[in-house]
Amino acid sequence: MTERSKGLLITFLGVLFVVPDSLFVRLIDSDPMTTAFWRGLISGSLIFLVLIFSKGIKVFRPVIGSGYAGLFYILLIGSTTPAFVLAVTYTSVANVVFIFASIPIFALIFSFIFLNEKILLSTLLTSLIVIIGLAIIAYGSKTSDISYWKGDLWALYVSAAYAGALTSLRKVKEISMVPSVPIAFLGSSLIILIFHFPFGDLDEKLIFYLFHGFFIGIATWLLTLGPRYLSSPEVSLLILLETVFAPILVWLVIGEFPGQWALIGGSLIIVTLVIFNLFKLLKENNSVSKY
């Protein structure tokens, strides 16, 4: 198996494991902070134990020396755990994952602001179309019984925070930040525990919490490992699969219809990003073939 094939397989499996994330939040149907606590605790503990048993405690040393970029990465990734649960709680799953599709656009904007990277005309046009798609989704939230602007804003925050984390990651390319993920998840759960009691419904929902945390832990590990072997357009295209599969899964299991405006705005975003990333991928392949 080639390195690229390995990357495709690992990343695809990571996407499959992350697809049920929103469905678990719906099925658990608990207080958002309780769900966020167990999601972060179990997934963070799983990744932490795998790292300890496979590489030892020394694997965490480089993270300590990652400076402000590493600290921002941990804070931003940690904040996405409760923010994601709040997003799914207060708006439709389709709205959440369609808004998440804007992460690459936020990443490009942050790269322009903080890394002084140029924004090409094609990128600018893509960003404008994605913004139009987000506006359509927001409009649909005003006319839907299962969508609400508060959840849309939390989803938008997760997109921006995750993109900011990716931008911070590029400041410390030479350091593997995988060990920082359990620090972020466990730290988030610890902060929640200080202000919230998350043990009220543990007896009746423990199995859901365990499966939810397990799926997120595996997905996070695979989605951190797989992209090392792929180009960024290939990664973006594979991750867009979650945007398609997640609302379909929720629709099939619990009958949550996202609404026509969410479908229109989401489809506009997905089609635009697919075309944009395919264009980038073809351009990269042509550049490689010249040498």
C-alpha atoms as a PDB file:
ATOM      1  CA  MET A   1       0.000   0.000   0.000  1.00  0.00           C
ATOM      2  CA  THR A   2       1.361   3.418  -0.993  1.00  0.00           C
ATOM      3  CA  GLU A   3       1.618   6.334   1.461  1.00  0.00           C
ATOM      4  CA  ARG A   4      -1.212   8.115  -0.353  1.00  0.00           C
ATOM      5  CA  SER A   5      -3.466   5.041  -0.237  1.00  0.00           C
ATOM      6  CA  LYS A   6      -2.732   4.679   3.469  1.00  0.00           C
ATOM      7  CA  GLY A   7      -3.645   8.339   4.022  1.00  0.00           C
ATOM      8  CA  LEU A   8      -6.883   7.981   2.061  1.00  0.00           C
ATOM      9  CA  LEU A   9      -7.924   4.891   4.025  1.00  0.00           C
ATOM     10  CA  ILE A  10      -7.057   6.326   7.456  1.00  0.00           C
ATOM     11  CA  THR A  11      -8.751   9.675   6.754  1.00  0.00           C
ATOM     12  CA  PHE A  12     -11.861   7.997   5.305  1.00  0.00           C
ATOM     13  CA  LEU A  13     -12.171   5.783   8.393  1.00  0.00           C
ATOM     14  CA  GLY A  14     -11.750   8.889  10.557  1.00  0.00           C
ATOM     15  CA  VAL A  15     -14.639  10.560   8.721  1.00  0.00           C
ATOM     16  CA  LEU A  16     -16.842   7.480   9.215  1.00  0.00           C
ATOM     17  CA  PHE A  17     -16.157   7.503  12.969  1.00  0.00           C
ATOM     18  CA  VAL A  18     -16.957  11.225  13.295  1.00  0.00           C
ATOM     19  CA  VAL A  19     -20.218  11.036  11.295  1.00  0.00           C
ATOM     20  CA  PRO A  20     -22.348   9.745  14.256  1.00  0.00           C
ATOM     21  CA  ASP A  21     -21.100  12.566  16.540  1.00  0.00           C
ATOM     22  CA  SER A  22     -24.202  14.730  16.090  1.00  0.00           C
ATOM     23  CA  LEU A  23     -26.495  11.703  16.287  1.00  0.00           C
ATOM     24  CA  PHE A  24     -25.028  10.746  19.676  1.00  0.00           C
ATOM     25  CA  VAL A  25     -25.781  14.233  21.014  1.00  0.00           C
ATOM     26  CA  ARG A  26     -29.388  13.864  19.853  1.00  0.00           C
ATOM     27  CA  LEU A  27     -29.807  10.331  21.264  1.00  0.00           C
ATOM     28  CA  ILE A  28     -28.212  11.187  24.613  1.00  0.00           C
ATOM     29  CA  ASP A  29     -30.563  14.189  24.945  1.00  0.00           C
ATOM     30  CA  SER A  30     -28.945  15.419  28.143  1.00  0.00           C
ATOM     31  CA  ASP A  31     -27.867  18.796  29.451  1.00  0.00           C
ATOM     32  CA  PRO A  32     -25.332  20.203  26.903  1.00  0.00           C
ATOM     33  CA  MET A  33     -22.558  20.648  29.483  1.00  0.00           C
ATOM     34  CA  THR A  34     -23.054  17.095  30.785  1.00  0.00           C
ATOM     35  CA  THR A  35     -22.726  15.684  27.270  1.00  0.00           C
ATOM     36  CA  ALA A  36     -19.702  17.903  26.604  1.00  0.00           C
ATOM     37  CA  PHE A  37     -18.050  16.752  29.844  1.00  0.00           C
ATOM     38  CA  TRP A  38     -18.293  13.048  29.028  1.00  0.00           C
ATOM     39  CA  ARG A  39     -17.463  13.590  25.350  1.00  0.00           C
ATOM     40  CA  GLY A  40     -14.213  15.337  26.289  1.00  0.00           C
ATOM     41  CA  LEU A  41     -13.343  13.092  29.242  1.00  0.00           C
ATOM     42  CA  ILE A  42     -13.757   9.749  27.495  1.00  0.00           C
ATOM     43  CA  SER A  43     -12.257  10.716  24.127  1.00  0.00           C
ATOM     44  CA  GLY A  44      -9.392  12.606  25.785  1.00  0.00           C
ATOM     45  CA  SER A  45      -8.653   9.699  28.147  1.00  0.00           C
ATOM     46  CA  LEU A  46      -8.649   7.222  25.256  1.00  0.00           C
ATOM     47  CA  ILE A  47      -6.128   9.235  23.229  1.00  0.00           C
ATOM     48  CA  PHE A  48      -4.041   9.893  26.356  1.00  0.00           C
ATOM     49  CA  LEU A  49      -3.800   6.168  27.206  1.00  0.00           C
ATOM     50  CA  VAL A  50      -2.920   5.197  23.636  1.00  0.00           C
ATOM     51  CA  LEU A  51      -0.109   7.787  23.599  1.00  0.00           C
ATOM     52  CA  ILE A  52       1.223   6.711  27.017  1.00  0.00           C
ATOM     53  CA  PHE A  53       1.273   2.993  26.189  1.00  0.00           C
ATOM     54  CA  SER A  54       2.683   3.449  22.675  1.00  0.00           C
ATOM     55  CA  LYS A  55       5.244   6.236  23.186  1.00  0.00           C
ATOM     56  CA  GLY A  56       5.554   6.908  26.910  1.00  0.00           C
ATOM     57  CA  ILE A  57       5.312  10.155  28.879  1.00  0.00           C
ATOM     58  CA  LYS A  58       8.113  11.724  26.819  1.00  0.00           C
ATOM     59  CA  VAL A  59       5.665  12.226  23.935  1.00  0.00           C
ATOM     60  CA  PHE A  60       4.231  15.246  25.783  1.00  0.00           C
ATOM     61  CA  ARG A  61       7.541  17.097  26.166  1.00  0.00           C
ATOM     62  CA  PRO A  62       7.558  18.819  22.725  1.00  0.00           C
ATOM     63  CA  VAL A  63       4.106  20.283  23.425  1.00  0.00           C
ATOM     64  CA  ILE A  64       5.472  22.088  26.489  1.00  0.00           C
ATOM     65  CA  GLY A  65       7.976  23.878  24.255  1.00  0.00           C
ATOM     66  CA  SER A  66       5.462  24.846  21.570  1.00  0.00           C
ATOM     67  CA  GLY A  67       5.036  28.354  23.013  1.00  0.00           C
ATOM     68  CA  TYR A  68       2.054  30.633  22.451  1.00  0.00           C
ATOM     69  CA  ALA A  69       1.068  28.879  19.209  1.00  0.00           C
ATOM     70  CA  GLY A  70       0.750  25.568  21.040  1.00  0.00           C
ATOM     71  CA  LEU A  71      -1.186  27.201  23.879  1.00  0.00           C
ATOM     72  CA  PHE A  72      -3.649  28.827  21.463  1.00  0.00           C
ATOM     73  CA  TYR A  73      -4.089  25.478  19.712  1.00  0.00           C
ATOM     74  CA  ILE A  74      -4.954  23.729  22.993  1.00  0.00           C
ATOM     75  CA  LEU A  75      -7.339  26.481  24.124  1.00  0.00           C
ATOM     76  CA  LEU A  76      -9.160  26.631  20.787  1.00  0.00           C
ATOM     77  CA  ILE A  77      -9.484  22.860  20.359  1.00  0.00           C
ATOM     78  CA  GLY A  78     -10.607  22.508  23.970  1.00  0.00           C
ATOM     79  CA  SER A  79     -13.306  25.141  23.504  1.00  0.00           C
ATOM     80  CA  THR A  80     -14.785  23.336  20.481  1.00  0.00           C
ATOM     81  CA  THR A  81     -16.003  20.407  22.618  1.00  0.00           C
ATOM     82  CA  PRO A  82     -18.711  22.281  24.587  1.00  0.00           C
ATOM     83  CA  ALA A  83     -19.354  24.632  21.657  1.00  0.00           C
ATOM     84  CA  PHE A  84     -20.111  21.710  19.340  1.00  0.00           C
ATOM     85  CA  VAL A  85     -22.610  20.200  21.777  1.00  0.00           C
ATOM     86  CA  LEU A  86     -24.295  23.593  22.225  1.00  0.00           C
ATOM     87  CA  ALA A  87     -24.490  23.997  18.434  1.00  0.00           C
ATOM     88  CA  VAL A  88     -26.187  20.621  17.932  1.00  0.00           C
ATOM     89  CA  THR A  89     -28.487  21.264  20.915  1.00  0.00           C
ATOM     90  CA  TYR A  90     -29.812  24.576  19.614  1.00  0.00           C
ATOM     91  CA  THR A  91     -30.051  24.050  15.867  1.00  0.00           C
ATOM     92  CA  SER A  92     -30.442  21.278  13.296  1.00  0.00           C
ATOM     93  CA  VAL A  93     -27.613  18.832  12.620  1.00  0.00           C
ATOM     94  CA  ALA A  94     -27.687  19.811   8.950  1.00  0.00           C
ATOM     95  CA  ASN A  95     -27.131  23.475   9.825  1.00  0.00           C
ATOM     96  CA  VAL A  96     -24.207  22.547  12.073  1.00  0.00           C
ATOM     97  CA  VAL A  97     -22.316  20.391   9.570  1.00  0.00           C
ATOM     98  CA  PHE A  98     -23.049  22.698   6.642  1.00  0.00           C
ATOM     99  CA  ILE A  99     -21.626  25.610   8.634  1.00  0.00           C
ATOM    100  CA  PHE A 100     -18.613  23.448   9.564  1.00  0.00           C
ATOM    101  CA  ALA A 101     -17.880  23.169   5.850  1.00  0.00           C
ATOM    102  CA  SER A 102     -16.739  26.801   6.028  1.00  0.00           C
ATOM    103  CA  ILE A 103     -13.682  25.852   8.124  1.00  0.00           C
ATOM    104  CA  PRO A 104     -11.291  25.963   5.109  1.00  0.00           C
ATOM    105  CA  ILE A 105     -12.490  29.496   4.311  1.00  0.00           C
ATOM    106  CA  PHE A 106     -11.819  30.690   7.861  1.00  0.00           C
ATOM    107  CA  ALA A 107      -8.404  29.006   7.696  1.00  0.00           C
ATOM    108  CA  LEU A 108      -7.544  30.894   4.506  1.00  0.00           C
ATOM    109  CA  ILE A 109      -8.638  34.206   6.044  1.00  0.00           C
ATOM    110  CA  PHE A 110      -6.593  33.597   9.202  1.00  0.00           C
ATOM    111  CA  SER A 111      -3.582  32.584   7.112  1.00  0.00           C
ATOM    112  CA  PHE A 112      -3.880  35.900   5.281  1.00  0.00           C
ATOM    113  CA  ILE A 113      -4.147  37.900   8.524  1.00  0.00           C
ATOM    114  CA  PHE A 114      -1.604  36.091  10.710  1.00  0.00           C
ATOM    115  CA  LEU A 115       0.752  34.382   8.243  1.00  0.00           C
ATOM    116  CA  ASN A 116       0.728  37.039   5.488  1.00  0.00           C
ATOM    117  CA  GLU A 117      -0.295  34.523   2.835  1.00  0.00           C
ATOM    118  CA  LYS A 118      -1.855  35.828  -0.365  1.00  0.00           C
ATOM    119  CA  ILE A 119      -5.527  35.191  -1.157  1.00  0.00           C
ATOM    120  CA  LEU A 120      -6.046  34.259  -4.801  1.00  0.00           C
ATOM    121  CA  LEU A 121      -9.031  35.485  -6.806  1.00  0.00           C
ATOM    122  CA  SER A 122     -10.447  31.938  -6.964  1.00  0.00           C
ATOM    123  CA  THR A 123     -10.231  31.713  -3.164  1.00  0.00           C
ATOM    124  CA  LEU A 124     -11.948  35.080  -2.767  1.00  0.00           C
ATOM    125  CA  LEU A 125     -14.816  34.069  -5.094  1.00  0.00           C
ATOM    126  CA  THR A 126     -15.186  30.741  -3.273  1.00  0.00           C
ATOM    127  CA  SER A 127     -15.329  32.544   0.067  1.00  0.00           C
ATOM    128  CA  LEU A 128     -18.037  34.904  -1.162  1.00  0.00           C
ATOM    129  CA  ILE A 129     -20.200  32.015  -2.398  1.00  0.00           C
ATOM    130  CA  VAL A 130     -19.734  30.159   0.899  1.00  0.00           C
ATOM    131  CA  ILE A 131     -20.820  33.302   2.770  1.00  0.00           C
ATOM    132  CA  ILE A 132     -23.957  33.441   0.605  1.00  0.00           C
ATOM    133  CA  GLY A 133     -24.615  29.781   1.483  1.00  0.00           C
ATOM    134  CA  LEU A 134     -24.230  30.561   5.193  1.00  0.00           C
ATOM    135  CA  ALA A 135     -26.644  33.490   4.826  1.00  0.00           C
ATOM    136  CA  ILE A 136     -29.230  31.172   3.226  1.00  0.00           C
ATOM    137  CA  ILE A 137     -28.855  28.717   6.138  1.00  0.00           C
ATOM    138  CA  ALA A 138     -29.261  31.582   8.619  1.00  0.00           C
ATOM    139  CA  TYR A 139     -32.405  32.747   6.815  1.00  0.00           C
ATOM    140  CA  GLY A 140     -33.794  29.218   6.979  1.00  0.00           C
ATOM    141  CA  SER A 141     -33.282  29.134  10.750  1.00  0.00           C
ATOM    142  CA  LYS A 142     -35.877  31.906  11.068  1.00  0.00           C
ATOM    143  CA  THR A 143     -38.523  29.740   9.399  1.00  0.00           C
ATOM    144  CA  SER A 144     -37.657  26.333  10.902  1.00  0.00           C
ATOM    145  CA  ASP A 145     -38.928  24.661  14.072  1.00  0.00           C
ATOM    146  CA  ILE A 146     -35.675  22.754  14.676  1.00  0.00           C
ATOM    147  CA  SER A 147     -33.161  25.471  13.782  1.00  0.00           C
ATOM    148  CA  TYR A 148     -32.278  28.495  15.866  1.00  0.00           C
ATOM    149  CA  TRP A 149     -29.794  31.313  15.369  1.00  0.00           C
ATOM    150  CA  LYS A 150     -28.125  30.611  18.732  1.00  0.00           C
ATOM    151  CA  GLY A 151     -27.056  27.148  17.543  1.00  0.00           C
ATOM    152  CA  ASP A 152     -25.935  28.553  14.194  1.00  0.00           C
ATOM    153  CA  LEU A 153     -23.688  31.036  16.014  1.00  0.00           C
ATOM    154  CA  TRP A 154     -22.134  28.258  18.102  1.00  0.00           C
ATOM    155  CA  ALA A 155     -21.491  26.267  14.927  1.00  0.00           C
ATOM    156  CA  LEU A 156     -19.906  29.345  13.347  1.00  0.00           C
ATOM    157  CA  TYR A 157     -17.706  29.721  16.432  1.00  0.00           C
ATOM    158  CA  VAL A 158     -16.555  26.084  16.164  1.00  0.00           C
ATOM    159  CA  SER A 159     -15.638  26.655  12.510  1.00  0.00           C
ATOM    160  CA  ALA A 160     -13.638  29.786  13.333  1.00  0.00           C
ATOM    161  CA  ALA A 161     -11.982  28.209  16.406  1.00  0.00           C
ATOM    162  CA  TYR A 162     -10.986  25.067  14.532  1.00  0.00           C
ATOM    163  CA  ALA A 163      -9.611  27.123  11.655  1.00  0.00           C
ATOM    164  CA  GLY A 164      -7.696  29.248  14.157  1.00  0.00           C
ATOM    165  CA  ALA A 165      -6.285  26.085  15.721  1.00  0.00           C
ATOM    166  CA  LEU A 166      -5.111  24.874  12.314  1.00  0.00           C
ATOM    167  CA  THR A 167      -3.456  28.241  11.689  1.00  0.00           C
ATOM    168  CA  SER A 168      -1.676  28.018  15.064  1.00  0.00           C
ATOM    169  CA  LEU A 169      -0.575  24.508  14.153  1.00  0.00           C
ATOM    170  CA  ARG A 170       1.234  25.834  11.102  1.00  0.00           C
ATOM    171  CA  LYS A 171       3.380  28.005  13.379  1.00  0.00           C
ATOM    172  CA  VAL A 172       4.817  24.854  14.983  1.00  0.00           C
ATOM    173  CA  LYS A 173       5.112  22.542  11.974  1.00  0.00           C
ATOM    174  CA  GLU A 174       8.179  20.833  13.393  1.00  0.00           C
ATOM    175  CA  ILE A 175       6.314  19.660  16.516  1.00  0.00           C
ATOM    176  CA  SER A 176       3.699  16.883  16.603  1.00  0.00           C
ATOM    177  CA  MET A 177       0.722  18.415  18.371  1.00  0.00           C
ATOM    178  CA  VAL A 178      -1.206  15.142  18.645  1.00  0.00           C
ATOM    179  CA  PRO A 179      -0.394  14.935  22.401  1.00  0.00           C
ATOM    180  CA  SER A 180      -2.003  18.333  22.884  1.00  0.00           C
ATOM    181  CA  VAL A 181      -5.419  16.962  21.860  1.00  0.00           C
ATOM    182  CA  PRO A 182      -6.024  14.937  25.067  1.00  0.00           C
ATOM    183  CA  ILE A 183      -4.732  17.912  27.071  1.00  0.00           C
ATOM    184  CA  ALA A 184      -7.338  20.104  25.366  1.00  0.00           C
ATOM    185  CA  PHE A 185     -10.196  17.612  25.765  1.00  0.00           C
ATOM    186  CA  LEU A 186      -9.416  16.702  29.386  1.00  0.00           C
ATOM    187  CA  GLY A 187      -8.805  20.348  30.278  1.00  0.00           C
ATOM    188  CA  SER A 188     -12.189  21.281  28.821  1.00  0.00           C
ATOM    189  CA  SER A 189     -13.891  18.575  30.896  1.00  0.00           C
ATOM    190  CA  LEU A 190     -12.089  19.731  34.036  1.00  0.00           C
ATOM    191  CA  ILE A 191     -13.292  23.315  33.566  1.00  0.00           C
ATOM    192  CA  ILE A 192     -16.861  22.088  33.017  1.00  0.00           C
ATOM    193  CA  LEU A 193     -16.616  19.979  36.196  1.00  0.00           C
ATOM    194  CA  ILE A 194     -15.706  23.052  38.243  1.00  0.00           C
ATOM    195  CA  PHE A 195     -18.976  24.789  37.331  1.00  0.00           C
ATOM    196  CA  HIS A 196     -21.331  21.895  36.551  1.00  0.00           C
ATOM    197  CA  PHE A 197     -22.390  18.542  38.091  1.00  0.00           C
ATOM    198  CA  PRO A 198     -22.325  16.008  35.201  1.00  0.00           C
ATOM    199  CA  PHE A 199     -23.240  12.800  37.089  1.00  0.00           C
ATOM    200  CA  GLY A 200     -27.015  13.164  37.389  1.00  0.00           C
ATOM    201  CA  ASP A 201     -28.064  10.781  34.595  1.00  0.00           C
ATOM    202  CA  LEU A 202     -24.920   8.616  34.505  1.00  0.00           C
ATOM    203  CA  ASP A 203     -26.675   5.341  35.365  1.00  0.00           C
ATOM    204  CA  GLU A 204     -29.171   5.476  32.515  1.00  0.00           C
ATOM    205  CA  LYS A 205     -26.922   7.010  29.841  1.00  0.00           C
ATOM    206  CA  LEU A 206     -23.452   5.634  30.605  1.00  0.00           C
ATOM    207  CA  ILE A 207     -23.403   3.336  27.561  1.00  0.00           C
ATOM    208  CA  PHE A 208     -24.191   6.272  25.248  1.00  0.00           C
ATOM    209  CA  TYR A 209     -21.470   8.410  26.835  1.00  0.00           C
ATOM    210  CA  LEU A 210     -18.938   5.586  26.441  1.00  0.00           C
ATOM    211  CA  PHE A 211     -19.739   4.952  22.783  1.00  0.00           C
ATOM    212  CA  HIS A 212     -19.837   8.685  22.022  1.00  0.00           C
ATOM    213  CA  GLY A 213     -16.423   9.296  23.594  1.00  0.00           C
ATOM    214  CA  PHE A 214     -14.962   6.178  21.975  1.00  0.00           C
ATOM    215  CA  PHE A 215     -16.083   7.206  18.482  1.00  0.00           C
ATOM    216  CA  ILE A 216     -14.724  10.757  18.920  1.00  0.00           C
ATOM    217  CA  GLY A 217     -11.409   9.485  20.310  1.00  0.00           C
ATOM    218  CA  ILE A 218     -10.883   7.125  17.365  1.00  0.00           C
ATOM    219  CA  ALA A 219     -12.030   9.747  14.832  1.00  0.00           C
ATOM    220  CA  THR A 220      -9.712  12.410  16.270  1.00  0.00           C
ATOM    221  CA  TRP A 221      -6.740  10.043  16.204  1.00  0.00           C
ATOM    222  CA  LEU A 222      -7.372   8.937  12.603  1.00  0.00           C
ATOM    223  CA  LEU A 223      -8.077  12.468  11.327  1.00  0.00           C
ATOM    224  CA  THR A 224      -4.845  13.662  12.911  1.00  0.00           C
ATOM    225  CA  LEU A 225      -2.795  10.809  11.466  1.00  0.00           C
ATOM    226  CA  GLY A 226      -4.275  10.400   7.969  1.00  0.00           C
ATOM    227  CA  PRO A 227      -3.757  13.928   6.576  1.00  0.00           C
ATOM    228  CA  ARG A 228       0.015  13.554   7.026  1.00  0.00           C
ATOM    229  CA  TYR A 229       0.048  11.426   3.865  1.00  0.00           C
ATOM    230  CA  LEU A 230      -2.317  13.553   1.760  1.00  0.00           C
ATOM    231  CA  SER A 231      -2.463  16.971   0.138  1.00  0.00           C
ATOM    232  CA  SER A 232      -4.763  19.568   1.692  1.00  0.00           C
ATOM    233  CA  PRO A 233      -7.324  19.443  -1.188  1.00  0.00           C
ATOM    234  CA  GLU A 234      -7.653  15.658  -0.767  1.00  0.00           C
ATOM    235  CA  VAL A 235      -8.159  16.052   2.981  1.00  0.00           C
ATOM    236  CA  SER A 236     -10.769  18.773   2.451  1.00  0.00           C
ATOM    237  CA  LEU A 237     -12.718  16.641  -0.029  1.00  0.00           C
ATOM    238  CA  LEU A 238     -12.744  13.622   2.292  1.00  0.00           C
ATOM    239  CA  ILE A 239     -13.830  15.667   5.316  1.00  0.00           C
ATOM    240  CA  LEU A 240     -16.697  17.109   3.262  1.00  0.00           C
ATOM    241  CA  LEU A 241     -18.139  13.577   3.264  1.00  0.00           C
ATOM    242  CA  GLU A 242     -19.134  14.112   6.893  1.00  0.00           C
ATOM    243  CA  THR A 243     -21.126  17.149   5.820  1.00  0.00           C
ATOM    244  CA  VAL A 244     -23.146  14.869   3.531  1.00  0.00           C
ATOM    245  CA  PHE A 245     -23.388  11.733   5.682  1.00  0.00           C
ATOM    246  CA  ALA A 246     -24.135  13.260   9.136  1.00  0.00           C
ATOM    247  CA  PRO A 247     -27.510  14.923   8.340  1.00  0.00           C
ATOM    248  CA  ILE A 248     -28.562  11.884   6.279  1.00  0.00           C
ATOM    249  CA  LEU A 249     -27.801   9.564   9.210  1.00  0.00           C
ATOM    250  CA  VAL A 250     -29.755  11.759  11.650  1.00  0.00           C
ATOM    251  CA  TRP A 251     -32.601  12.013   9.136  1.00  0.00           C
ATOM    252  CA  LEU A 252     -32.787   8.212   8.767  1.00  0.00           C
ATOM    253  CA  VAL A 253     -32.478   7.389  12.479  1.00  0.00           C
ATOM    254  CA  ILE A 254     -34.622  10.047  14.170  1.00  0.00           C
ATOM    255  CA  GLY A 255     -36.404  11.662  11.214  1.00  0.00           C
ATOM    256  CA  GLU A 256     -34.882  15.146  11.574  1.00  0.00           C
ATOM    257  CA  PHE A 257     -35.585  16.863   8.262  1.00  0.00           C
ATOM    258  CA  PRO A 258     -33.201  19.824   7.904  1.00  0.00           C
ATOM    259  CA  GLY A 259     -35.537  22.054   5.918  1.00  0.00           C
ATOM    260  CA  GLN A 260     -35.339  23.314   2.341  1.00  0.00           C
ATOM    261  CA  TRP A 261     -33.283  26.437   3.084  1.00  0.00           C
ATOM    262  CA  ALA A 262     -30.631  24.442   4.939  1.00  0.00           C
ATOM    263  CA  LEU A 263     -30.447  22.020   2.020  1.00  0.00           C
ATOM    264  CA  ILE A 264     -30.155  24.845  -0.517  1.00  0.00           C
ATOM    265  CA  GLY A 265     -27.514  26.764   1.426  1.00  0.00           C
ATOM    266  CA  GLY A 266     -25.624  23.599   2.384  1.00  0.00           C
ATOM    267  CA  SER A 267     -25.648  22.271  -1.175  1.00  0.00           C
ATOM    268  CA  LEU A 268     -24.297  25.600  -2.443  1.00  0.00           C
ATOM    269  CA  ILE A 269     -21.436  25.425   0.089  1.00  0.00           C
ATOM    270  CA  ILE A 270     -20.591  21.780  -0.610  1.00  0.00           C
ATOM    271  CA  VAL A 271     -20.668  22.079  -4.415  1.00  0.00           C
ATOM    272  CA  THR A 272     -18.551  25.250  -4.292  1.00  0.00           C
ATOM    273  CA  LEU A 273     -15.919  23.676  -2.022  1.00  0.00           C
ATOM    274  CA  VAL A 274     -15.827  20.449  -4.053  1.00  0.00           C
ATOM    275  CA  ILE A 275     -15.163  22.405  -7.256  1.00  0.00           C
ATOM    276  CA  PHE A 276     -12.592  24.612  -5.493  1.00  0.00           C
ATOM    277  CA  ASN A 277     -10.675  21.669  -3.995  1.00  0.00           C
ATOM    278  CA  LEU A 278     -10.835  19.612  -7.187  1.00  0.00           C
ATOM    279  CA  PHE A 279      -9.372  22.602  -9.028  1.00  0.00           C
ATOM    280  CA  LYS A 280      -6.560  22.855  -6.457  1.00  0.00           C
ATOM    281  CA  LEU A 281      -5.930  19.111  -6.633  1.00  0.00           C
ATOM    282  CA  LEU A 282      -5.681  19.134 -10.432  1.00  0.00           C
ATOM    283  CA  LYS A 283      -3.360  22.127 -10.245  1.00  0.00           C
ATOM    284  CA  GLU A 284      -1.102  20.332  -7.747  1.00  0.00           C
ATOM    285  CA  ASN A 285      -1.033  17.184  -9.863  1.00  0.00           C
ATOM    286  CA  ASN A 286      -0.121  19.172 -12.973  1.00  0.00           C
ATOM    287  CA  SER A 287       2.683  20.903 -11.087  1.00  0.00           C
ATOM    288  CA  VAL A 288       4.073  17.541  -9.897  1.00  0.00           C
ATOM    289  CA  SER A 289       3.870  15.985 -13.372  1.00  0.00           C
ATOM    290  CA  LYS A 290       6.107  18.718 -14.794  1.00  0.00           C
ATOM    291  CA  TYR A 291       9.067  17.595 -12.682  1.00  0.00           C
END
